[in-house]
């Protein structure tokens, strides 16, 4: 049996305590490291749950936006029958009476006029209904006599749902006109039970911005039967030559127009000489 001296005994006790302290420090360090890792895992789990919630909320928001957009688009498809129809962008609010600038309806002479209108190289034979739409006919005659329409572009072509070529805006933007507006609506086709009317192939009708007194210089040529609201004055028709517009129509609409099948024609289109008798 080994004897332990007093000095050795104290040294061993101190060594044992130091060893215990080292063991405790090591254990404490490992415990602290474990706790730190556990805390890190909890933070990551919390962040993941938060990110998942954010993704879920974002997904729901996108879904809601998509559904809302579809609903808005669907409602626009119904309500935009008016907006998508041939229209002149409103300038000042039109008066419900005609100003002195508006040509006198007497110019129309209460009769049917005949003549021709050039659109690019196409010569269209036309009739104007001075008997049924005296104000619009007088306006067209007066502007034609002043060469207002000469080299003015046809700024809008529609090829889906509506089949019209819209002309007569000197600015080529859909916002221009002769400096006045007039009304009322004349000689509009009768409405069907659905509330729309058929504008037959070859019709010449006035574009407007939604008010009966917002007619100006813009008009549209119907190149295939089209259903619209009965809110547009029919002041004439094309009696022959409509096939001459086929190259313009077949080329379609510029791709940057914003709406499919509705916008500026690919083929630059301008009015030429208008002869009336």
Protein backbone atom coordinates (compact mmCIF):
# COMPACT_ATOMS: atom_id res chain seq x y z
CA UNK A 1 0.00 0.00 0.00
CA UNK A 2 1.42 3.28 -1.13
CA UNK A 3 1.86 5.91 1.52
CA UNK A 4 1.01 9.40 0.67
CA UNK A 5 2.85 12.19 2.25
CA UNK A 6 1.15 15.36 3.35
CA UNK A 7 2.60 17.35 0.48
CA UNK A 8 1.79 14.75 -2.06
CA UNK A 9 -1.72 14.37 -0.70
CA UNK A 10 -2.42 18.08 -1.10
CA UNK A 11 -0.98 18.07 -4.59
CA UNK A 12 -3.19 15.18 -5.61
CA UNK A 13 -6.25 16.88 -4.14
CA UNK A 14 -5.44 20.05 -6.05
CA UNK A 15 -4.80 18.07 -9.22
CA UNK A 16 -8.11 16.26 -8.76
CA UNK A 17 -9.96 19.52 -8.29
CA UNK A 18 -8.25 21.01 -11.32
CA UNK A 19 -9.18 17.97 -13.34
CA UNK A 20 -12.78 18.31 -12.17
CA UNK A 21 -12.72 22.01 -13.07
CA UNK A 22 -11.33 21.20 -16.52
CA UNK A 23 -13.95 18.53 -16.95
CA UNK A 24 -16.63 20.97 -15.80
CA UNK A 25 -15.29 23.66 -18.14
CA UNK A 26 -15.21 21.20 -21.00
CA UNK A 27 -18.71 20.02 -20.20
CA UNK A 28 -19.92 23.60 -19.81
CA UNK A 29 -18.30 24.52 -23.10
CA UNK A 30 -19.92 21.62 -24.86
CA UNK A 31 -23.22 22.42 -23.22
CA UNK A 32 -22.92 26.06 -24.29
CA UNK A 33 -21.98 24.94 -27.77
CA UNK A 34 -24.96 22.57 -27.84
CA UNK A 35 -27.27 25.31 -26.57
CA UNK A 36 -25.88 27.70 -29.18
CA UNK A 37 -26.49 25.16 -31.96
CA UNK A 38 -29.95 24.42 -30.61
CA UNK A 39 -30.73 28.15 -30.54
CA UNK A 40 -29.44 28.44 -34.10
CA UNK A 41 -31.69 25.55 -35.18
CA UNK A 42 -34.67 27.18 -33.51
CA UNK A 43 -33.89 30.47 -35.24
CA UNK A 44 -33.62 28.69 -38.59
CA UNK A 45 -36.89 26.86 -37.97
CA UNK A 46 -38.56 30.12 -36.99
CA UNK A 47 -37.18 31.84 -40.08
CA UNK A 48 -38.34 28.96 -42.26
CA UNK A 49 -41.84 29.12 -40.77
CA UNK A 50 -41.87 32.89 -41.28
CA UNK A 51 -40.66 32.52 -44.88
CA UNK A 52 -43.30 29.87 -45.49
CA UNK A 53 -45.97 32.21 -44.12
CA UNK A 54 -44.69 35.02 -46.32
CA UNK A 55 -44.67 32.72 -49.34
CA UNK A 56 -48.19 31.57 -48.50
CA UNK A 57 -49.44 35.14 -48.10
CA UNK A 58 -47.69 36.17 -51.31
CA UNK A 59 -49.17 33.19 -53.10
CA UNK A 60 -52.64 34.04 -51.84
CA UNK A 61 -52.10 37.65 -52.87
CA UNK A 62 -51.05 36.58 -56.36
CA UNK A 63 -54.03 34.25 -56.55
CA UNK A 64 -56.36 37.01 -55.39
CA UNK A 65 -54.81 39.43 -57.88
CA UNK A 66 -55.15 36.87 -60.65
CA UNK A 67 -58.79 36.19 -59.82
CA UNK A 68 -59.47 39.91 -59.49
CA UNK A 69 -57.73 40.58 -62.79
CA UNK A 70 -59.77 37.88 -64.47
CA UNK A 71 -62.96 39.34 -63.02
CA UNK A 72 -61.95 42.83 -64.12
CA UNK A 73 -61.00 41.52 -67.57
CA UNK A 74 -64.28 39.61 -67.83
CA UNK A 75 -66.26 42.68 -66.86
CA UNK A 76 -64.24 44.77 -69.28
CA UNK A 77 -65.07 42.32 -72.03
CA UNK A 78 -68.72 43.06 -71.40
CA UNK A 79 -68.54 46.75 -70.52
CA UNK A 80 -65.91 47.60 -73.10
CA UNK A 81 -68.26 46.88 -75.94
CA UNK A 82 -68.75 50.62 -75.79
CA UNK A 83 -65.13 51.48 -75.12
CA UNK A 84 -63.83 49.15 -77.80
CA UNK A 85 -66.31 50.49 -80.32
CA UNK A 86 -65.26 53.20 -82.76
CA UNK A 87 -64.74 56.25 -80.62
CA UNK A 88 -63.12 59.64 -80.66
CA UNK A 89 -61.28 60.46 -77.45
CA UNK A 90 -63.24 63.21 -75.70
CA UNK A 91 -61.82 66.71 -75.71
CA UNK A 92 -63.95 69.31 -73.89
CA UNK A 93 -67.32 68.07 -72.66
CA UNK A 94 -69.62 68.30 -75.68
CA UNK A 95 -72.54 70.70 -75.48
CA UNK A 96 -76.05 69.36 -76.02
CA UNK A 97 -76.54 72.01 -78.70
CA UNK A 98 -74.48 72.69 -81.79
CA UNK A 99 -72.28 75.77 -81.96
CA UNK A 100 -72.12 78.18 -84.88
CA UNK A 101 -68.98 76.36 -86.07
CA UNK A 102 -70.99 73.27 -86.98
CA UNK A 103 -71.94 73.17 -90.68
CA UNK A 104 -75.57 73.92 -91.48
CA UNK A 105 -77.64 70.74 -92.06
CA UNK A 106 -79.11 72.52 -95.09
CA UNK A 107 -75.83 71.75 -96.90
CA UNK A 108 -77.06 68.15 -97.17
CA UNK A 109 -80.02 69.35 -99.26
CA UNK A 110 -82.20 66.57 -97.88
CA UNK A 111 -81.06 64.17 -100.60
CA UNK A 112 -78.79 61.21 -101.27
CA UNK A 113 -75.35 62.20 -102.52
CA UNK A 114 -73.10 60.02 -104.65
CA UNK A 115 -69.38 60.19 -105.20
CA UNK A 116 -66.06 58.52 -104.49
CA UNK A 117 -63.44 58.43 -101.77
CA UNK A 118 -59.83 57.29 -102.13
CA UNK A 119 -58.27 55.21 -99.36
CA UNK A 120 -54.66 54.58 -100.35
CA UNK A 121 -55.01 53.17 -103.89
CA UNK A 122 -58.56 51.93 -103.37
CA UNK A 123 -61.34 53.96 -104.97
CA UNK A 124 -64.54 53.53 -102.99
CA UNK A 125 -67.86 54.51 -104.55
CA UNK A 126 -70.04 56.05 -101.84
CA UNK A 127 -73.51 57.34 -101.07
CA UNK A 128 -74.25 59.92 -98.38
CA UNK A 129 -77.64 60.01 -96.68
CA UNK A 130 -78.48 63.71 -96.66
CA UNK A 131 -82.13 62.76 -96.28
CA UNK A 132 -81.70 60.52 -93.23
CA UNK A 133 -78.65 62.04 -91.52
CA UNK A 134 -78.59 65.68 -92.64
CA UNK A 135 -76.28 67.00 -89.90
CA UNK A 136 -73.60 64.34 -90.27
CA UNK A 137 -73.83 64.43 -94.06
CA UNK A 138 -73.54 68.22 -94.11
CA UNK A 139 -70.50 67.96 -91.86
CA UNK A 140 -68.79 65.40 -94.10
CA UNK A 141 -69.55 67.39 -97.26
CA UNK A 142 -68.27 70.62 -95.74
CA UNK A 143 -65.02 69.06 -94.51
CA UNK A 144 -64.48 67.27 -97.84
CA UNK A 145 -64.95 70.50 -99.76
CA UNK A 146 -62.30 72.13 -97.58
CA UNK A 147 -59.89 69.20 -98.23
CA UNK A 148 -59.88 68.56 -94.48
CA UNK A 149 -59.60 64.81 -95.05
CA UNK A 150 -56.82 64.95 -97.67
CA UNK A 151 -53.86 62.82 -96.51
CA UNK A 152 -55.45 62.28 -93.09
CA UNK A 153 -54.66 58.84 -91.72
CA UNK A 154 -56.96 55.98 -90.89
CA UNK A 155 -55.45 55.47 -87.47
CA UNK A 156 -57.40 52.46 -86.23
CA UNK A 157 -58.22 49.01 -87.56
CA UNK A 158 -60.17 46.36 -85.66
CA UNK A 159 -60.06 42.75 -86.79
CA UNK A 160 -61.56 40.79 -83.90
CA UNK A 161 -65.19 41.14 -82.87
CA UNK A 162 -65.45 44.55 -84.51
CA UNK A 163 -64.62 44.92 -88.17
CA UNK A 164 -64.04 48.58 -88.85
CA UNK A 165 -61.44 50.96 -90.26
CA UNK A 166 -61.55 54.29 -88.43
CA UNK A 167 -60.43 57.47 -90.21
CA UNK A 168 -60.71 61.24 -90.12
CA UNK A 169 -58.45 62.29 -87.24
CA UNK A 170 -55.93 64.90 -88.44
CA UNK A 171 -53.62 64.04 -85.51
CA UNK A 172 -53.70 60.31 -86.21
CA UNK A 173 -54.06 59.60 -82.49
CA UNK A 174 -57.80 59.23 -81.98
CA UNK A 175 -57.96 62.55 -80.11
CA UNK A 176 -58.24 65.00 -83.01
CA UNK A 177 -61.14 66.64 -84.77
CA UNK A 178 -62.32 69.71 -86.64
CA UNK A 179 -62.38 72.01 -83.60
CA UNK A 180 -66.05 71.47 -82.79
CA UNK A 181 -68.43 68.66 -81.96
CA UNK A 182 -72.02 68.10 -82.93
CA UNK A 183 -75.09 65.90 -82.54
CA UNK A 184 -77.50 64.33 -82.19
CA UNK A 185 -77.26 60.68 -83.26
CA UNK A 186 -79.00 60.23 -86.62
CA UNK A 187 -80.15 57.21 -88.56
CA UNK A 188 -78.75 54.62 -86.14
CA UNK A 189 -79.83 51.04 -86.90
CA UNK A 190 -82.58 49.56 -84.76
CA UNK A 191 -81.53 47.72 -81.63
CA UNK A 192 -82.13 44.01 -81.27
CA UNK A 193 -83.54 42.34 -78.16
CA UNK A 194 -79.96 42.10 -76.89
CA UNK A 195 -79.64 45.89 -77.07
CA UNK A 196 -77.10 45.91 -79.88
CA UNK A 197 -77.53 46.70 -83.56
CA UNK A 198 -76.00 45.31 -86.71
CA UNK A 199 -73.90 47.78 -88.68
CA UNK A 200 -73.87 46.18 -92.09
CA UNK A 201 -70.91 45.72 -94.39
CA UNK A 202 -70.13 48.94 -96.26
CA UNK A 203 -71.69 51.32 -93.73
CA UNK A 204 -70.13 54.76 -93.13
CA UNK A 205 -70.79 55.89 -89.57
CA UNK A 206 -69.63 58.64 -87.25
CA UNK A 207 -67.29 57.80 -84.36
CA UNK A 208 -67.96 59.53 -81.06
CA UNK A 209 -66.70 59.58 -77.49
CA UNK A 210 -69.88 58.31 -75.86
CA UNK A 211 -72.10 61.38 -76.01
CA UNK A 212 -74.69 61.98 -78.75
CA UNK A 213 -73.12 65.43 -79.20
CA UNK A 214 -69.49 64.30 -79.46
CA UNK A 215 -69.35 63.68 -83.22
CA UNK A 216 -66.57 65.47 -85.09
CA UNK A 217 -64.56 64.45 -88.13
CA UNK A 218 -63.79 60.84 -87.23
CA UNK A 219 -65.80 58.17 -89.00
CA UNK A 220 -65.53 54.46 -89.58
CA UNK A 221 -65.94 52.11 -92.49
CA UNK A 222 -67.59 48.78 -91.65
CA UNK A 223 -65.87 46.15 -93.81
CA UNK A 224 -67.84 43.18 -92.37
CA UNK A 225 -71.12 43.00 -90.47
CA UNK A 226 -70.51 44.23 -86.92
CA UNK A 227 -72.69 44.33 -83.80
CA UNK A 228 -72.43 47.58 -81.85
CA UNK A 229 -74.64 49.61 -79.59
CA UNK A 230 -77.07 51.72 -81.67
CA UNK A 231 -75.18 54.88 -80.71
CA UNK A 232 -73.53 55.79 -84.01
CA UNK A 233 -74.90 57.90 -86.83
CA UNK A 234 -75.01 56.08 -90.15
CA UNK A 235 -74.49 58.83 -92.74
CA UNK A 236 -73.64 56.80 -95.82
CA UNK A 237 -72.45 53.56 -97.36
CA UNK A 238 -69.88 52.18 -99.76
CA UNK A 239 -71.59 50.89 -102.89
CA UNK A 240 -68.52 49.39 -104.56
CA UNK A 241 -64.77 49.09 -104.20
CA UNK A 242 -64.71 47.74 -100.64
CA UNK A 243 -62.48 44.86 -101.76
CA UNK A 244 -59.78 47.47 -102.34
CA UNK A 245 -59.30 47.63 -98.56
CA UNK A 246 -58.39 43.93 -98.38
CA UNK A 247 -54.58 44.46 -98.39
CA UNK A 248 -54.94 46.83 -95.42
CA UNK A 249 -57.22 44.49 -93.51
CA UNK A 250 -55.22 41.33 -94.27
CA UNK A 251 -51.97 42.94 -93.05
CA UNK A 252 -53.63 43.47 -89.68
CA UNK A 253 -52.72 45.59 -86.70
CA UNK A 254 -49.30 46.68 -85.47
CA UNK A 255 -48.16 44.33 -82.66
CA UNK A 256 -47.44 47.16 -80.21
CA UNK A 257 -50.99 48.50 -80.36
CA UNK A 258 -51.85 47.20 -76.89
CA UNK A 259 -55.01 45.26 -77.72
CA UNK A 260 -55.14 42.20 -79.89
CA UNK A 261 -56.79 42.92 -83.21
CA UNK A 262 -57.32 46.60 -82.40
CA UNK A 263 -54.89 49.38 -83.21
CA UNK A 264 -52.92 51.14 -85.89
CA UNK A 265 -52.89 49.30 -89.24
CA UNK A 266 -49.62 47.68 -90.28
CA UNK A 267 -50.16 49.22 -93.72
CA UNK A 268 -50.01 53.01 -93.49
CA UNK A 269 -53.49 54.11 -94.53
CA UNK A 270 -54.53 57.58 -95.65
CA UNK A 271 -57.56 59.24 -97.16
CA UNK A 272 -57.19 60.78 -100.58
CA UNK A 273 -59.49 62.71 -102.89
CA UNK A 274 -63.19 62.80 -102.06
CA UNK A 275 -65.54 63.71 -104.90
CA UNK A 276 -69.24 64.32 -104.18
CA UNK A 277 -72.19 64.98 -106.47
